[in-house]
Amino acid sequence: MRSGNEPVNARSPLRLRLGLGIWGLVWAGAATAAFALTDHPGWAVLCGVVFLVTVVDITLVTRHIRQGPHYQPGRDVPPYEPDHR
């Protein structure tokens, strides 16, 4: 018997986000190099910006994964219901 209105099997999507970030990092890096070599500087800069954003995202996701699980109240703690006044 559950005590709250949370999902039964809630899971953090951090590992999926890390995998997708690494995939994006590879593609953005390859696209940056390809556009730079084929003399398309605008597209190379755009892909370079995507590459840098992906690096920051991967860094933050890795940091959150290394922090480990955070406190989650047990089944005996009822969920917080906001005041509807």
N, C-alpha and C. Protein backbone atom coordinates (compact mmCIF):
# COMPACT_ATOMS: atom_id res chain seq x y z
N MET A 1 0.84 -1.18 0.00
CA MET A 1 0.00 0.00 0.00
C MET A 1 0.88 1.24 0.00
N ARG A 2 0.68 2.13 -0.95
CA ARG A 2 1.46 3.36 -1.02
C ARG A 2 0.78 4.44 -0.19
N SER A 3 1.60 5.39 0.25
CA SER A 3 1.06 6.47 1.08
C SER A 3 0.98 7.79 0.35
N GLY A 4 1.54 7.88 -0.83
CA GLY A 4 1.61 9.18 -1.51
C GLY A 4 1.02 9.14 -2.90
N ASN A 5 1.13 10.26 -3.59
CA ASN A 5 0.62 10.33 -4.96
C ASN A 5 1.76 10.40 -5.96
N GLU A 6 2.93 9.91 -5.59
CA GLU A 6 4.08 9.88 -6.46
C GLU A 6 4.03 8.62 -7.34
N PRO A 7 4.81 8.57 -8.42
CA PRO A 7 4.83 7.37 -9.25
C PRO A 7 5.38 6.18 -8.47
N VAL A 8 4.94 5.00 -8.84
CA VAL A 8 5.37 3.79 -8.15
C VAL A 8 6.85 3.52 -8.38
N ASN A 9 7.33 3.67 -9.59
CA ASN A 9 8.72 3.35 -9.93
C ASN A 9 9.44 4.57 -10.49
N ALA A 10 9.46 5.66 -9.77
CA ALA A 10 10.13 6.86 -10.25
C ALA A 10 11.64 6.61 -10.31
N ARG A 11 12.23 7.00 -11.40
CA ARG A 11 13.68 6.83 -11.57
C ARG A 11 14.27 8.10 -12.16
N SER A 12 15.52 8.32 -11.86
CA SER A 12 16.19 9.49 -12.37
C SER A 12 16.67 9.22 -13.80
N PRO A 13 16.46 10.16 -14.72
CA PRO A 13 16.88 9.96 -16.10
C PRO A 13 18.32 10.42 -16.35
N LEU A 14 19.14 10.52 -15.30
CA LEU A 14 20.47 11.09 -15.49
C LEU A 14 21.37 10.22 -16.36
N ARG A 15 21.32 8.92 -16.21
CA ARG A 15 22.19 8.06 -17.03
C ARG A 15 21.77 8.11 -18.51
N LEU A 16 20.48 8.17 -18.77
CA LEU A 16 20.03 8.33 -20.15
C LEU A 16 20.48 9.67 -20.70
N ARG A 17 20.35 10.72 -19.89
CA ARG A 17 20.77 12.06 -20.32
C ARG A 17 22.27 12.09 -20.57
N LEU A 18 23.04 11.37 -19.75
CA LEU A 18 24.49 11.30 -19.97
C LEU A 18 24.80 10.60 -21.28
N GLY A 19 24.12 9.50 -21.56
CA GLY A 19 24.35 8.78 -22.82
C GLY A 19 23.99 9.62 -24.03
N LEU A 20 22.86 10.30 -23.95
CA LEU A 20 22.47 11.17 -25.07
C LEU A 20 23.42 12.35 -25.21
N GLY A 21 23.92 12.85 -24.08
CA GLY A 21 24.89 13.94 -24.14
C GLY A 21 26.19 13.53 -24.80
N ILE A 22 26.64 12.33 -24.48
CA ILE A 22 27.88 11.83 -25.11
C ILE A 22 27.67 11.63 -26.61
N TRP A 23 26.49 11.09 -26.96
CA TRP A 23 26.15 10.93 -28.38
C TRP A 23 26.16 12.29 -29.09
N GLY A 24 25.55 13.28 -28.48
CA GLY A 24 25.53 14.63 -29.05
C GLY A 24 26.91 15.25 -29.12
N LEU A 25 27.73 14.96 -28.12
CA LEU A 25 29.09 15.48 -28.10
C LEU A 25 29.89 14.94 -29.29
N VAL A 26 29.75 13.66 -29.55
CA VAL A 26 30.46 13.05 -30.68
C VAL A 26 30.00 13.67 -32.00
N TRP A 27 28.67 13.78 -32.17
CA TRP A 27 28.15 14.33 -33.43
C TRP A 27 28.48 15.81 -33.59
N ALA A 28 28.38 16.58 -32.52
CA ALA A 28 28.70 18.01 -32.62
C ALA A 28 30.18 18.22 -32.90
N GLY A 29 31.02 17.40 -32.29
CA GLY A 29 32.46 17.51 -32.56
C GLY A 29 32.80 17.14 -33.99
N ALA A 30 32.18 16.07 -34.48
CA ALA A 30 32.43 15.65 -35.86
C ALA A 30 31.90 16.69 -36.85
N ALA A 31 30.73 17.23 -36.57
CA ALA A 31 30.16 18.24 -37.47
C ALA A 31 31.00 19.52 -37.46
N THR A 32 31.49 19.91 -36.28
CA THR A 32 32.34 21.10 -36.20
C THR A 32 33.59 20.91 -37.06
N ALA A 33 34.22 19.75 -36.91
CA ALA A 33 35.43 19.48 -37.69
C ALA A 33 35.13 19.42 -39.18
N ALA A 34 34.03 18.76 -39.54
CA ALA A 34 33.69 18.62 -40.96
C ALA A 34 33.39 19.97 -41.60
N PHE A 35 32.61 20.80 -40.90
CA PHE A 35 32.29 22.11 -41.47
C PHE A 35 33.52 23.02 -41.50
N ALA A 36 34.40 22.89 -40.52
CA ALA A 36 35.61 23.70 -40.54
C ALA A 36 36.53 23.30 -41.70
N LEU A 37 36.59 22.00 -41.97
CA LEU A 37 37.45 21.52 -43.05
C LEU A 37 36.87 21.82 -44.43
N THR A 38 35.55 21.91 -44.53
CA THR A 38 34.93 22.19 -45.83
C THR A 38 34.66 23.67 -46.05
N ASP A 39 35.22 24.50 -45.21
CA ASP A 39 35.17 25.96 -45.37
C ASP A 39 33.75 26.52 -45.26
N HIS A 40 33.04 26.09 -44.20
CA HIS A 40 31.72 26.64 -43.85
C HIS A 40 31.82 27.19 -42.42
N PRO A 41 32.39 28.38 -42.26
CA PRO A 41 32.67 28.87 -40.90
C PRO A 41 31.42 29.12 -40.05
N GLY A 42 30.34 29.55 -40.64
CA GLY A 42 29.12 29.80 -39.88
C GLY A 42 28.57 28.54 -39.24
N TRP A 43 28.49 27.48 -40.03
CA TRP A 43 28.01 26.20 -39.51
C TRP A 43 29.00 25.61 -38.51
N ALA A 44 30.28 25.83 -38.75
CA ALA A 44 31.29 25.32 -37.81
C ALA A 44 31.15 26.01 -36.45
N VAL A 45 30.89 27.31 -36.45
CA VAL A 45 30.71 28.04 -35.19
C VAL A 45 29.45 27.56 -34.49
N LEU A 46 28.38 27.39 -35.24
CA LEU A 46 27.13 26.91 -34.65
C LEU A 46 27.30 25.54 -34.01
N CYS A 47 27.94 24.63 -34.71
CA CYS A 47 28.18 23.30 -34.15
C CYS A 47 29.16 23.35 -32.98
N GLY A 48 30.10 24.29 -33.02
CA GLY A 48 31.02 24.47 -31.90
C GLY A 48 30.29 24.94 -30.65
N VAL A 49 29.31 25.81 -30.82
CA VAL A 49 28.50 26.27 -29.69
C VAL A 49 27.69 25.11 -29.12
N VAL A 50 27.10 24.30 -29.99
CA VAL A 50 26.37 23.11 -29.53
C VAL A 50 27.31 22.17 -28.78
N PHE A 51 28.52 22.03 -29.27
CA PHE A 51 29.53 21.20 -28.62
C PHE A 51 29.81 21.71 -27.21
N LEU A 52 30.00 23.01 -27.05
CA LEU A 52 30.30 23.57 -25.74
C LEU A 52 29.11 23.43 -24.77
N VAL A 53 27.91 23.64 -25.27
CA VAL A 53 26.72 23.46 -24.43
C VAL A 53 26.61 22.00 -23.97
N THR A 54 26.93 21.08 -24.86
CA THR A 54 26.89 19.67 -24.52
C THR A 54 27.95 19.32 -23.48
N VAL A 55 29.13 19.91 -23.57
CA VAL A 55 30.17 19.68 -22.57
C VAL A 55 29.70 20.15 -21.19
N VAL A 56 29.09 21.32 -21.13
CA VAL A 56 28.58 21.83 -19.85
C VAL A 56 27.49 20.91 -19.31
N ASP A 57 26.59 20.46 -20.16
CA ASP A 57 25.52 19.57 -19.73
C ASP A 57 26.08 18.25 -19.19
N ILE A 58 27.04 17.66 -19.90
CA ILE A 58 27.65 16.41 -19.45
C ILE A 58 28.35 16.61 -18.10
N THR A 59 29.00 17.75 -17.94
CA THR A 59 29.68 18.04 -16.68
C THR A 59 28.67 18.10 -15.52
N LEU A 60 27.57 18.78 -15.72
CA LEU A 60 26.56 18.89 -14.67
C LEU A 60 25.90 17.54 -14.38
N VAL A 61 25.60 16.77 -15.41
CA VAL A 61 24.99 15.46 -15.21
C VAL A 61 25.94 14.55 -14.45
N THR A 62 27.21 14.56 -14.82
CA THR A 62 28.20 13.74 -14.12
C THR A 62 28.31 14.15 -12.65
N ARG A 63 28.26 15.43 -12.40
CA ARG A 63 28.31 15.93 -11.01
C ARG A 63 27.10 15.43 -10.22
N HIS A 64 25.93 15.49 -10.83
CA HIS A 64 24.72 15.03 -10.13
C HIS A 64 24.75 13.52 -9.90
N ILE A 65 25.28 12.76 -10.85
CA ILE A 65 25.38 11.32 -10.66
C ILE A 65 26.34 11.01 -9.52
N ARG A 66 27.46 11.71 -9.43
CA ARG A 66 28.45 11.47 -8.37
C ARG A 66 27.95 11.89 -7.00
N GLN A 67 26.98 12.81 -6.95
CA GLN A 67 26.42 13.21 -5.66
C GLN A 67 25.64 12.08 -5.01
N GLY A 68 25.18 11.16 -5.81
CA GLY A 68 24.43 10.03 -5.27
C GLY A 68 22.98 10.38 -5.02
N PRO A 69 22.25 9.42 -4.47
CA PRO A 69 20.84 9.65 -4.22
C PRO A 69 20.63 10.68 -3.12
N HIS A 70 19.61 11.47 -3.28
CA HIS A 70 19.27 12.46 -2.27
C HIS A 70 18.20 11.88 -1.36
N TYR A 71 17.94 12.57 -0.28
CA TYR A 71 16.96 12.09 0.68
C TYR A 71 15.59 11.97 0.04
N GLN A 72 14.99 10.84 0.21
CA GLN A 72 13.61 10.62 -0.24
C GLN A 72 12.84 10.12 0.97
N PRO A 73 11.74 10.76 1.33
CA PRO A 73 10.98 10.29 2.49
C PRO A 73 10.43 8.90 2.25
N GLY A 74 10.28 8.15 3.32
CA GLY A 74 9.77 6.79 3.23
C GLY A 74 8.27 6.74 2.99
N ARG A 75 7.75 5.53 2.96
CA ARG A 75 6.33 5.33 2.69
C ARG A 75 5.46 5.83 3.84
N ASP A 76 6.06 5.97 5.02
CA ASP A 76 5.28 6.41 6.16
C ASP A 76 5.10 7.93 6.21
N VAL A 77 5.78 8.68 5.32
CA VAL A 77 5.67 10.13 5.29
C VAL A 77 4.67 10.51 4.20
N PRO A 78 3.55 11.14 4.57
CA PRO A 78 2.56 11.50 3.56
C PRO A 78 3.08 12.63 2.67
N PRO A 79 2.59 12.71 1.44
CA PRO A 79 3.07 13.77 0.54
C PRO A 79 2.56 15.13 1.00
N TYR A 80 3.29 16.14 0.62
CA TYR A 80 2.88 17.50 0.94
C TYR A 80 1.77 17.91 -0.02
N GLU A 81 0.69 18.29 0.53
CA GLU A 81 -0.42 18.79 -0.29
C GLU A 81 -0.48 20.30 -0.09
N PRO A 82 -0.44 21.08 -1.16
CA PRO A 82 -0.45 22.54 -1.03
C PRO A 82 -1.77 23.04 -0.43
N ASP A 83 -1.69 24.18 0.20
CA ASP A 83 -2.86 24.83 0.79
C ASP A 83 -3.67 25.45 -0.34
N HIS A 84 -4.91 25.07 -0.47
CA HIS A 84 -5.76 25.53 -1.58
C HIS A 84 -6.58 26.78 -1.22
N ARG A 85 -6.22 27.47 -0.18
CA ARG A 85 -6.98 28.67 0.21
C ARG A 85 -6.76 29.81 -0.71
